[in-house]
Amino acid sequence: MIDHIGLTVADYARSRDFYARALEPLGYRMVMEVTLEETGGHYQGAGFGDRKPYFWIGSGGDGKAPTTPMHVAFVAQRRAAVDAFHAAALAAGARDNGAPGLRPEYHADYYGAFVIDPDGHNIEAVCHLPEDASR
């Protein structure tokens, strides 16, 4: 249903580097970047995905922090990728907001991990597959 989503960030370079590191274990990379020069100084952004950008981070270059943190959950094909995302995000500067593990309150096979990104957004990686199917 959703083609793409974008988050406003205060420090574009810091957030671009953070997401490049945190999303790599999930198989996502920066696939497109728009510069301030290309937009006449109004916007800069990085789009992450596999073939096309599904997730964008960007700023107007003014350094203003977002006012409302958001929640974004990324698909992981294996539980091990959820674990690797959590470790990579923490190493890239995130704060822990929920270690990798089952969340049976959502459903029996919901395996997720949560971090708080540099701008206060709650970022999650989740695998919905049973353990034996996610290897």
Foldseek 3Di string as FASTA:
>chain_A
DAQADEDEALDAVLQLVLCQQLCVLQQKHFPDWDDCVNVVQQKTKTFMDNNGGRYMYMYSPPSDADDDAEEDEAEHLALVSQQSSQVRNVVSPWAFDAHWDDDCVVPRQWTKGWTQHPRRHIYMYTYRDHNVRSD
